[in-house]
N, C-alpha and C. Protein backbone atom coordinates (compact mmCIF):
# COMPACT_ATOMS: atom_id res chain seq x y z
N MET A 1 94.63 99.19 57.37
CA MET A 1 96.05 99.29 57.55
C MET A 1 96.34 98.41 55.79
N ALA A 2 95.95 98.86 54.74
CA ALA A 2 96.33 98.48 53.34
C ALA A 2 97.66 98.24 53.23
N ASN A 3 98.56 99.39 53.47
CA ASN A 3 99.38 99.50 53.69
C ASN A 3 100.55 98.94 54.05
N SER A 4 99.88 98.39 55.33
CA SER A 4 100.88 97.34 55.83
C SER A 4 101.36 96.33 55.20
N THR A 5 102.88 96.28 55.74
CA THR A 5 103.42 94.73 55.42
C THR A 5 103.77 93.79 55.96
N THR A 6 103.19 93.53 57.24
CA THR A 6 102.94 92.77 58.42
C THR A 6 101.39 91.91 58.25
N THR A 7 101.58 90.61 58.23
CA THR A 7 100.62 89.83 58.06
C THR A 7 99.65 89.50 59.59
N GLY A 8 98.59 89.11 59.56
CA GLY A 8 97.91 89.02 60.69
C GLY A 8 98.84 88.25 61.72
N LEU A 9 99.19 86.88 60.73
CA LEU A 9 100.23 86.11 62.31
C LEU A 9 101.46 87.09 62.70
N GLN A 10 101.87 87.62 61.77
CA GLN A 10 103.17 88.17 62.41
C GLN A 10 102.66 89.06 63.42
N ARG A 11 101.67 90.40 63.48
CA ARG A 11 101.22 90.81 64.36
C ARG A 11 100.93 90.06 65.43
N ILE A 12 100.57 88.99 65.23
CA ILE A 12 100.11 88.32 66.93
C ILE A 12 101.63 87.94 67.56
N VAL A 13 102.38 87.40 66.57
CA VAL A 13 103.57 87.14 66.96
C VAL A 13 104.60 88.20 67.74
N ILE A 14 104.27 89.44 67.20
CA ILE A 14 104.94 90.63 67.74
C ILE A 14 104.48 91.32 68.85
N GLN A 15 103.02 90.75 68.79
CA GLN A 15 102.17 91.12 70.20
C GLN A 15 102.45 90.12 71.39
N GLN A 16 102.69 88.95 71.25
CA GLN A 16 103.17 87.87 72.33
C GLN A 16 104.20 88.30 72.79
N GLY A 17 105.46 88.83 71.97
CA GLY A 17 106.54 89.17 72.50
C GLY A 17 106.94 89.90 73.25
N ARG A 18 105.67 91.23 73.23
CA ARG A 18 105.63 92.26 74.05
C ARG A 18 104.85 92.04 75.14
N LYS A 19 103.78 91.22 74.85
CA LYS A 19 103.73 90.66 76.32
C LYS A 19 104.24 89.79 77.11
N THR A 20 105.10 89.04 76.24
CA THR A 20 106.48 88.18 77.55
C THR A 20 107.57 88.99 78.05
N VAL A 21 107.62 90.44 77.39
CA VAL A 21 108.81 91.17 77.59
C VAL A 21 107.98 91.78 78.84
N HIS A 22 107.12 92.03 78.42
CA HIS A 22 106.34 92.55 79.79
C HIS A 22 106.19 91.95 80.94
N TRP A 23 105.99 90.75 80.79
CA TRP A 23 105.41 89.91 81.93
C TRP A 23 107.07 89.98 82.38
N VAL A 24 108.17 89.89 81.87
CA VAL A 24 109.47 89.47 82.64
C VAL A 24 109.83 90.51 83.27
N LEU A 25 109.46 92.06 82.66
CA LEU A 25 110.05 93.06 83.38
C LEU A 25 109.34 93.17 84.89
N HIS A 26 107.87 92.94 84.46
CA HIS A 26 107.24 92.80 86.31
C HIS A 26 107.50 91.63 87.12
N SER A 27 107.96 90.54 86.24
CA SER A 27 108.94 89.69 87.12
C SER A 27 110.06 89.89 87.73
N LEU A 28 110.53 90.71 87.21
CA LEU A 28 112.02 91.29 87.82
C LEU A 28 111.90 92.21 88.79
N ALA A 29 110.79 93.33 88.72
CA ALA A 29 110.41 94.35 89.62
C ALA A 29 110.17 94.08 90.80
N LEU A 30 109.11 92.71 90.56
CA LEU A 30 108.60 92.04 92.06
C LEU A 30 109.88 91.76 92.79
N LEU A 31 110.95 90.95 92.13
CA LEU A 31 111.86 90.05 93.04
C LEU A 31 112.63 91.39 93.26
N CYS A 32 113.02 92.26 92.89
CA CYS A 32 113.93 93.61 93.06
C CYS A 32 113.05 94.15 94.40
N ILE A 33 111.61 94.18 94.37
CA ILE A 33 110.67 94.81 95.53
C ILE A 33 111.10 93.47 96.88
N ALA A 34 111.01 92.35 96.56
CA ALA A 34 111.01 91.26 97.89
C ALA A 34 112.57 91.35 98.26
N LEU A 35 113.47 91.40 97.62
CA LEU A 35 114.75 91.24 97.94
C LEU A 35 114.89 93.05 98.57
N GLY A 36 114.57 93.93 98.49
CA GLY A 36 114.49 95.52 98.98
C GLY A 36 113.88 95.40 100.54
N LEU A 37 112.76 94.60 100.56
CA LEU A 37 112.04 94.32 101.83
C LEU A 37 112.91 93.39 102.54
N LEU A 38 113.21 92.46 102.00
CA LEU A 38 114.19 91.43 102.95
C LEU A 38 115.66 92.30 103.33
N ALA A 39 116.08 92.99 102.65
CA ALA A 39 117.44 93.38 102.75
C ALA A 39 116.80 94.93 104.15
N ALA A 40 115.95 95.59 103.96
CA ALA A 40 115.64 96.23 104.82
C ALA A 40 115.11 96.13 106.57
N TYR A 41 114.55 94.87 106.01
CA TYR A 41 114.06 94.12 107.47
C TYR A 41 115.44 93.51 108.36
N LYS A 42 116.43 92.86 107.14
CA LYS A 42 117.38 92.22 108.03
C LYS A 42 118.00 93.55 108.68
N SER A 43 118.45 94.29 107.70
CA SER A 43 119.37 95.27 108.40
C SER A 43 119.10 96.13 109.65
N HIS A 44 117.58 96.33 109.81
CA HIS A 44 116.68 96.62 110.98
C HIS A 44 116.86 95.83 112.08
N SER A 45 116.69 94.77 111.87
CA SER A 45 116.49 93.31 112.85
C SER A 45 118.09 93.23 113.17
N LEU A 46 119.22 93.13 112.26
CA LEU A 46 120.05 93.01 113.10
C LEU A 46 121.56 94.04 113.56
N LYS A 47 120.49 95.18 113.84
CA LYS A 47 121.51 96.31 113.79
C LYS A 47 122.21 96.08 115.20
N LEU A 48 122.78 96.17 116.07
CA LEU A 48 123.81 96.08 117.26
C LEU A 48 124.20 97.78 117.45
N PRO A 49 123.91 97.71 118.99
CA PRO A 49 123.35 97.08 119.79
C PRO A 49 121.81 97.09 120.06
N VAL A 50 121.51 97.76 119.68
CA VAL A 50 119.78 97.97 119.67
C VAL A 50 118.93 97.95 118.55
N PRO A 51 118.53 96.91 118.02
CA PRO A 51 117.45 96.96 116.54
C PRO A 51 116.71 98.20 116.21
N ILE A 52 116.34 98.25 115.13
CA ILE A 52 115.74 99.67 114.89
C ILE A 52 114.22 98.88 114.62
N PRO A 53 113.23 99.33 114.90
CA PRO A 53 112.15 98.71 114.93
C PRO A 53 111.46 99.33 113.40
N ASN A 54 110.92 97.62 112.95
CA ASN A 54 110.12 98.09 111.53
C ASN A 54 108.97 98.79 111.53
N TRP A 55 108.66 99.32 110.39
CA TRP A 55 107.49 100.18 109.92
C TRP A 55 107.46 101.40 111.05
N TYR A 56 108.30 102.29 111.15
CA TYR A 56 108.19 103.33 111.94
C TYR A 56 108.12 104.42 111.22
N SER A 57 108.43 104.85 109.83
CA SER A 57 108.74 105.90 109.38
C SER A 57 107.37 106.54 108.26
N PRO A 58 107.50 107.31 107.89
CA PRO A 58 106.25 107.78 107.27
C PRO A 58 107.24 107.32 105.70
N HIS A 59 108.42 106.96 105.59
CA HIS A 59 108.77 106.90 104.34
C HIS A 59 108.50 104.93 104.10
N SER A 60 108.68 104.34 105.62
CA SER A 60 108.05 102.84 104.99
C SER A 60 106.71 102.71 105.10
N PHE A 61 106.24 103.36 105.45
CA PHE A 61 104.42 103.12 104.92
C PHE A 61 104.32 103.92 103.86
N LEU A 62 105.07 104.60 103.03
CA LEU A 62 104.97 104.61 101.70
C LEU A 62 105.38 103.94 100.93
N GLY A 63 106.29 103.25 101.09
CA GLY A 63 106.89 102.14 100.36
C GLY A 63 105.93 101.13 100.61
N LEU A 64 105.29 100.79 101.63
CA LEU A 64 104.23 99.35 101.75
C LEU A 64 102.96 100.32 101.09
N THR A 65 102.45 101.12 101.02
CA THR A 65 101.80 101.41 100.14
C THR A 65 101.57 101.47 99.11
N THR A 66 102.88 101.46 98.38
CA THR A 66 103.37 101.48 96.96
C THR A 66 103.40 99.96 96.73
N MET A 67 103.91 99.08 97.49
CA MET A 67 104.04 97.97 97.20
C MET A 67 102.18 97.27 97.00
N ALA A 68 101.34 97.56 97.64
CA ALA A 68 99.98 97.20 98.23
C ALA A 68 99.48 97.78 96.58
N LEU A 69 99.81 98.74 96.41
CA LEU A 69 99.09 99.58 95.09
C LEU A 69 99.89 98.78 94.02
N LEU A 70 100.91 98.52 93.95
CA LEU A 70 101.47 97.35 92.49
C LEU A 70 100.57 95.91 92.72
N ALA A 71 100.47 95.29 93.92
CA ALA A 71 99.54 93.90 93.78
C ALA A 71 98.08 94.11 93.46
N VAL A 72 97.20 95.22 93.84
CA VAL A 72 96.06 95.64 93.21
C VAL A 72 96.15 95.70 91.92
N GLN A 73 97.66 96.56 91.35
CA GLN A 73 97.24 96.38 89.79
C GLN A 73 97.29 95.28 89.14
């Protein structure tokens, strides 16, 4: 990197900034997942006259598997 104009300290600051942005985006994704699960659970539980059972379709199991894989990651 002889032609680079950034110093070692500048590269560290840039890398830390990218890590912070990455962490914030992952945290927001986790919040969206939690809110989506809560909304789905509440909409099933509060349906009148008969509540819809939770975790009954392949779509719900696909979502659960996706969340599990995200947690493992």
